[in-house]
Protein backbone atom coordinates (compact mmCIF):
# COMPACT_ATOMS: atom_id res chain seq x y z
CA MET A 1 27.54 6.72 -6.13
CA PRO A 2 24.24 5.44 -4.28
CA PRO A 3 21.57 8.27 -3.63
CA THR A 4 21.97 9.88 -0.51
CA PHE A 5 17.95 10.28 0.07
CA ASP A 6 14.89 8.32 -1.39
CA LEU A 7 13.11 11.37 -1.35
CA LEU A 8 13.59 15.16 -1.26
CA VAL A 9 10.35 17.12 -0.93
CA ILE A 10 10.24 21.02 -1.85
CA GLY A 11 7.35 23.28 -0.79
CA ASP A 12 5.49 24.75 2.05
CA ALA A 13 5.86 24.27 6.03
CA ASN A 14 4.03 26.02 8.33
CA PRO A 15 2.48 25.30 11.80
CA ASP A 16 -1.44 24.29 11.84
CA VAL A 17 -3.61 25.48 14.51
CA ILE A 18 -6.63 23.01 14.02
CA VAL A 19 -9.83 23.69 15.98
CA GLY A 20 -13.38 22.27 16.18
CA PRO A 21 -15.33 20.82 15.29
CA LEU A 22 -17.48 24.02 15.05
CA ALA A 23 -21.61 22.75 15.40
CA THR A 24 -22.69 26.26 14.12
CA PRO A 25 -21.48 29.08 11.90
CA LEU A 26 -18.45 31.02 12.65
CA ALA A 27 -19.56 34.02 14.77
CA PHE A 28 -18.11 37.62 14.75
CA GLY A 29 -19.11 40.48 17.08
CA GLN A 30 -16.53 39.22 19.45
CA ARG A 31 -18.32 36.40 20.32
CA GLU A 32 -16.42 33.39 21.97
CA GLN A 33 -17.43 29.92 20.76
CA LEU A 34 -16.29 26.84 22.53
CA ILE A 35 -15.39 23.83 20.35
CA ASP A 36 -14.26 20.21 21.65
CA SER A 37 -10.53 20.15 20.55
CA GLY A 38 -7.32 21.98 19.15
CA ALA A 39 -4.01 21.03 18.10
CA LEU A 40 -0.83 22.59 17.11
CA THR A 41 1.15 20.31 14.68
CA ILE A 42 3.01 20.39 11.44
CA GLY A 43 1.17 21.80 8.63
CA GLY A 44 1.89 22.43 4.82
CA SER A 45 1.26 20.19 2.08
CA ALA A 46 5.19 19.44 1.62
CA ALA A 47 5.80 18.85 4.86
CA ILE A 48 3.33 16.48 5.99
CA THR A 49 4.01 14.65 2.81
CA ALA A 50 7.83 14.34 3.95
CA CYS A 51 6.67 13.25 7.32
CA GLY A 52 4.65 10.62 6.08
CA ALA A 53 7.27 9.21 3.82
CA ALA A 54 9.95 9.34 6.44
CA ARG A 55 7.38 7.04 8.91
CA LEU A 56 6.97 4.69 6.02
CA GLY A 57 10.81 4.18 6.17
CA LEU A 58 12.11 5.96 3.26
CA ARG A 59 15.43 8.45 3.37
CA VAL A 60 13.71 11.78 3.11
CA ALA A 61 14.87 15.44 3.04
CA PHE A 62 13.15 18.80 2.92
CA ALA A 63 14.01 22.22 0.94
CA GLY A 64 11.78 25.42 1.72
CA ARG A 65 11.94 28.69 3.60
CA VAL A 66 10.42 29.42 7.00
CA GLY A 67 11.11 32.41 9.05
CA ASP A 68 14.09 32.72 11.72
CA ASP A 69 11.40 32.76 14.35
CA GLY A 70 9.49 30.82 17.30
CA ALA A 71 7.62 29.14 14.70
CA GLY A 72 10.24 28.36 12.24
CA HIS A 73 12.41 26.77 14.90
CA TYR A 74 9.50 24.75 15.94
CA LEU A 75 8.75 23.29 12.03
CA ARG A 76 12.55 22.53 12.14
CA ASP A 77 12.71 20.59 15.48
CA GLN A 78 9.28 18.64 14.72
CA LEU A 79 10.47 17.70 11.06
CA ALA A 80 13.72 16.74 12.39
CA ALA A 81 12.18 14.54 14.99
CA GLN A 82 10.23 13.02 12.35
CA GLY A 83 13.45 11.66 10.77
CA VAL A 84 13.39 14.40 7.98
CA ASP A 85 16.67 15.78 7.05
CA VAL A 86 16.28 19.80 7.39
CA SER A 87 19.49 20.86 6.02
CA GLY A 88 17.58 22.59 2.79
CA LEU A 89 14.94 24.43 5.29
CA HIS A 90 16.07 27.93 4.88
CA LEU A 91 15.56 30.33 8.00
CA ASP A 92 14.54 34.03 6.62
CA PRO A 93 15.77 36.55 8.92
CA SER A 94 13.18 39.20 7.51
CA LEU A 95 9.75 37.32 7.03
CA PRO A 96 7.69 35.39 9.41
CA THR A 97 6.83 31.69 9.17
CA PRO A 98 3.50 31.14 7.23
CA LEU A 99 0.75 30.23 9.83
CA THR A 100 -2.50 28.33 9.21
CA VAL A 101 -5.70 28.39 11.25
CA ILE A 102 -7.99 25.35 10.35
CA VAL A 103 -11.74 25.28 11.69
CA THR A 104 -13.26 22.06 11.12
CA ARG A 105 -16.82 21.46 10.92
CA GLY A 106 -18.33 17.98 9.94
CA ASP A 107 -16.10 16.50 7.24
CA ASP A 108 -15.55 19.99 5.94
CA ARG A 109 -13.09 22.64 6.87
CA ALA A 110 -12.27 26.37 6.56
CA ILE A 111 -8.37 26.95 6.06
CA LEU A 112 -6.86 30.42 6.88
CA THR A 113 -3.29 31.24 6.16
CA ALA A 114 -0.72 33.84 6.88
CA PRO A 115 1.60 33.37 3.97
CA GLY A 116 4.82 34.75 5.71
CA THR A 117 7.52 33.31 3.60
CA LEU A 118 5.97 31.51 1.18
CA ALA A 119 5.80 34.22 -1.60
CA ALA A 120 9.66 34.50 -1.08
CA THR A 121 10.37 30.74 -1.70
CA SER A 122 11.96 30.11 -4.56
CA GLY A 123 14.52 27.87 -6.48
CA ARG A 124 17.69 29.36 -4.58
CA ASP A 125 16.22 27.54 -1.23
CA VAL A 126 16.65 24.06 -2.91
CA PRO A 127 20.32 23.02 -2.83
CA GLU A 128 21.14 21.29 -6.03
CA HIS A 129 23.31 18.39 -4.45
CA LEU A 130 19.61 17.83 -2.72
CA LEU A 131 17.76 17.69 -6.38
CA THR A 132 20.74 15.30 -7.72
CA SER A 133 21.16 13.03 -4.66
CA ALA A 134 17.76 11.89 -4.28
CA ARG A 135 15.99 8.95 -5.98
CA HIS A 136 12.62 11.08 -6.45
CA VAL A 137 11.73 14.71 -6.10
CA HIS A 138 8.34 15.81 -5.05
CA ALA A 139 7.01 19.25 -4.97
CA ALA A 140 3.95 20.27 -3.34
CA SER A 141 1.47 23.78 -3.12
CA TYR A 142 2.52 25.05 -6.45
CA PHE A 143 -0.20 28.16 -6.48
CA LEU A 144 1.14 29.25 -3.04
CA MET A 145 4.70 29.96 -3.99
CA PRO A 146 4.76 32.06 -7.26
CA GLY A 147 8.62 32.14 -7.05
CA LEU A 148 9.12 28.86 -6.70
CA ALA A 149 6.50 28.12 -9.37
CA THR A 150 8.68 29.92 -11.72
CA ASP A 151 11.90 28.07 -11.10
CA LEU A 152 10.03 24.56 -10.70
CA PRO A 153 10.72 23.70 -14.28
CA GLY A 154 14.53 24.56 -14.23
CA LEU A 155 14.66 22.31 -10.97
CA PHE A 156 12.74 19.38 -12.18
CA ASP A 157 15.45 19.69 -15.32
CA THR A 158 18.11 19.52 -12.86
CA ALA A 159 16.85 16.48 -11.20
CA ARG A 160 15.53 14.64 -14.23
CA ALA A 161 19.18 15.07 -15.76
CA ALA A 162 20.65 13.11 -12.83
CA GLY A 163 18.15 10.41 -13.43
CA VAL A 164 15.84 11.48 -10.64
CA THR A 165 11.96 11.37 -11.14
CA THR A 166 9.81 13.82 -10.22
CA SER A 167 6.00 14.71 -8.94
CA LEU A 168 3.77 17.56 -8.38
CA ASP A 169 0.69 18.00 -6.04
CA THR A 170 -0.47 21.63 -6.81
CA ASN A 171 -3.00 21.79 -4.04
CA ASP A 172 -5.64 24.54 -4.41
CA ASP A 173 -5.43 27.84 -6.00
CA PRO A 174 -6.62 30.55 -3.45
CA SER A 175 -6.85 32.99 -6.50
CA GLY A 176 -9.31 30.72 -8.33
CA ARG A 177 -7.35 31.23 -11.57
CA TRP A 178 -5.73 27.69 -12.32
CA ASP A 179 -3.34 29.21 -14.86
CA ARG A 180 -2.95 25.70 -17.02
CA ALA A 181 -0.62 27.84 -19.44
CA ALA A 182 1.76 28.75 -16.63
CA LEU A 183 1.56 25.17 -15.22
CA ALA A 184 2.17 23.48 -18.39
CA PRO A 185 6.10 23.78 -18.48
CA VAL A 186 5.98 21.90 -15.17
CA LEU A 187 3.90 18.99 -15.80
CA THR A 188 5.78 18.29 -19.09
CA ARG A 189 8.62 17.73 -16.70
CA THR A 190 6.50 15.92 -14.12
CA ASP A 191 6.35 11.91 -13.89
CA ILE A 192 3.89 11.71 -11.44
CA LEU A 193 0.57 14.26 -10.69
CA LEU A 194 -1.34 14.03 -7.47
CA PRO A 195 -4.16 16.18 -7.44
CA ASN A 196 -7.55 15.48 -5.42
CA ALA A 197 -10.63 15.19 -7.28
CA ALA A 198 -11.71 19.14 -7.22
CA GLU A 199 -8.17 19.91 -8.63
CA ALA A 200 -8.18 17.45 -10.99
CA HIS A 201 -11.25 19.10 -12.50
CA ARG A 202 -10.03 22.45 -12.37
CA LEU A 203 -6.56 21.41 -13.77
CA ALA A 204 -8.16 19.43 -16.63
CA GLY A 205 -10.91 21.96 -17.34
CA THR A 206 -13.35 19.21 -16.94
CA ASP A 207 -16.03 20.51 -14.40
CA GLY A 208 -19.20 18.56 -14.86
CA THR A 209 -17.92 15.53 -16.01
CA SER A 210 -16.31 12.22 -14.23
CA VAL A 211 -13.41 12.17 -12.26
CA ALA A 212 -12.13 9.34 -14.57
CA ALA A 213 -12.26 11.55 -17.63
CA ALA A 214 -10.30 14.28 -15.84
CA ALA A 215 -7.73 12.02 -14.90
CA GLY A 216 -7.67 10.63 -18.33
CA LEU A 217 -7.23 13.97 -19.80
CA LEU A 218 -4.28 14.77 -17.64
CA ALA A 219 -2.59 11.67 -18.23
CA HIS A 220 -2.18 12.75 -21.68
CA GLN A 221 0.22 15.71 -20.19
CA VAL A 222 1.68 13.50 -17.31
CA PRO A 223 2.88 9.94 -17.65
CA LEU A 224 0.95 9.03 -14.22
CA VAL A 225 -1.84 10.46 -12.69
CA ALA A 226 -3.26 9.51 -9.16
CA VAL A 227 -6.31 11.05 -7.99
CA LYS A 228 -7.48 11.33 -4.13
CA ASN A 229 -11.46 10.99 -4.09
CA GLY A 230 -12.34 11.23 -0.33
CA ALA A 231 -14.81 8.42 0.89
CA ASP A 232 -14.87 7.11 -2.76
CA GLY A 233 -10.86 5.94 -2.65
CA ALA A 234 -8.60 6.80 -5.38
CA LEU A 235 -8.01 6.28 -9.03
CA CYS A 236 -5.17 6.28 -11.18
CA HIS A 237 -4.72 6.71 -15.11
CA ASP A 238 -1.50 6.22 -17.12
CA GLY A 239 -3.02 7.03 -20.34
CA ARG A 240 -4.19 3.76 -21.44
CA THR A 241 -5.32 2.24 -18.25
CA LEU A 242 -7.78 3.21 -15.52
CA LEU A 243 -7.29 1.72 -11.97
CA THR A 244 -9.68 2.43 -8.90
CA THR A 245 -9.43 1.69 -5.34
CA ALA A 246 -12.05 2.00 -2.49
CA GLY A 247 -9.46 2.43 -0.04
CA ILE A 248 -10.00 1.14 3.38
CA ARG A 249 -12.63 2.25 6.37
CA VAL A 250 -11.51 3.67 9.46
CA THR A 251 -13.28 5.95 12.23
CA ALA A 252 -11.96 9.27 10.80
CA GLN A 253 -11.47 12.25 13.57
CA ASP A 254 -9.80 14.60 11.32
CA ALA A 255 -9.22 14.75 7.75
CA VAL A 256 -6.43 17.30 7.77
CA GLY A 257 -3.54 16.18 5.63
CA ALA A 258 -4.76 13.14 4.47
CA GLY A 259 -4.37 13.76 0.81
CA ASP A 260 -0.59 14.50 1.78
CA SER A 261 -0.30 11.09 3.71
CA PHE A 262 -1.99 9.76 0.57
CA ASN A 263 0.87 11.08 -1.58
CA ALA A 264 3.57 9.68 0.84
CA GLY A 265 2.17 6.00 0.33
CA PHE A 266 1.85 6.36 -3.31
CA LEU A 267 5.66 7.54 -3.59
CA ALA A 268 6.71 4.90 -1.28
CA GLY A 269 5.08 2.40 -3.04
CA ARG A 270 6.21 3.18 -6.16
CA LEU A 271 9.89 3.34 -5.26
CA ALA A 272 9.71 0.06 -3.14
CA GLY A 273 9.03 -1.37 -6.97
CA ARG A 274 5.40 -2.09 -6.19
CA PRO A 275 3.17 -2.58 -9.23
CA ILE A 276 0.60 0.72 -9.87
CA ALA A 277 -2.45 -0.98 -8.44
CA GLU A 278 -0.63 -1.90 -5.21
CA ALA A 279 0.84 1.60 -4.64
CA LEU A 280 -2.64 2.98 -5.18
CA ASP A 281 -4.00 0.77 -2.41
CA LEU A 282 -1.11 1.29 -0.28
CA ALA A 283 -1.45 5.51 -0.86
CA ALA A 284 -5.44 5.29 -0.15
CA ALA A 285 -4.68 3.19 3.21
CA CYS A 286 -2.27 5.89 4.41
CA GLY A 287 -4.64 8.63 3.50
CA ALA A 288 -7.47 6.93 5.46
CA LEU A 289 -5.24 6.00 8.56
CA SER A 290 -3.74 9.54 9.02
CA THR A 291 -7.51 10.63 9.90
CA ARG A 292 -7.53 8.76 12.95
CA ALA A 293 -6.24 11.84 14.91
CA ALA A 294 -5.97 15.29 14.92
CA GLY A 295 -3.46 17.04 12.55
CA GLY A 296 -1.97 15.97 9.49
CA THR A 297 1.25 13.80 11.04
CA THR A 298 -0.13 12.51 14.40
CA ALA A 299 -1.29 9.24 12.88
CA GLN A 300 0.51 8.32 9.62
CA PRO A 301 1.01 4.75 9.52
CA THR A 302 4.46 2.77 9.54
CA TRP A 303 4.74 0.53 6.60
CA GLU A 304 4.10 -2.62 8.45
CA GLU A 305 0.86 -0.77 9.89
CA ALA A 306 -0.04 0.16 6.32
CA LEU A 307 0.26 -3.48 4.82
CA THR A 308 -1.32 -4.78 8.00
CA HIS A 309 -4.62 -2.73 7.08
CA LEU A 310 -4.69 -3.52 3.42
CA THR A 311 -4.53 -7.50 4.40
CA VAL A 312 -7.30 -6.98 7.09
CA ASN A 313 -9.49 -5.38 4.35
CA GLY A 314 -9.15 -8.07 1.81
CA ASP A 315 -5.73 -7.59 0.00
CA SER A 316 -2.69 -9.62 0.71
CA PRO A 317 0.33 -7.50 -0.34
CA SER A 318 3.66 -9.25 0.84
């Protein structure tokens, strides 16, 4: 029986309230500061990745947990409107939906998150039939959801036993511990690791060395490592060969979720059978193009749009 979905995404979903840019330091003392713009949009690394993959034409399902409240229903409706199957998005009657406020300043941002259902999310929120009816399973925000993190090796085992490939974007660790021993059982079951440069260094324990060195070390634990490196593009390592891309240039308005759009592009490229180098170029283009508007999902490109921008910038994928 052919797979029902190309991609199952497991992890976090929350509304993002994005305000900025803030020209001066954030002021307390009941001071009111005016900024140029504000937006309410889909947030959460997993949810943004799911939307980006759907926008690229993949059949996408999402599994996770939000509150049975206005914010939770907003997310279900918005994800469904983006073409994401939300039958695996559990509504918790006792806990609120997570909420993130992002304050932008220049090319940087401060992120404040009320965790809501994050700690309660677990493997029980991931239906087995979704794990085994997709071509690929992607998990995000490992450190934000300790219950799901504990269950992730078993979830990946179930998927891989059905011939499904896996990927992981750990995202940041708010605790600063970066427990590599706890993460090791997940990495042994992960086919593609998708950190940004700072996360790659923390995961590899290579602060002070090159991003390429961090990727090379991580590639001894995971078959394929693709690292997002901001304005410097991205790189990829399979334990033998280092590939790099400079990405494409766009006029950026907001970098929120760019790494998640990169994830969507890389996975879409690999699931389409593209060579690793082409998938890396496509991923970098998807990440860059997503920065053209506020929020992580507003400017995510279609497959045709991403390929067109690659061609304009000098590549010519078919």
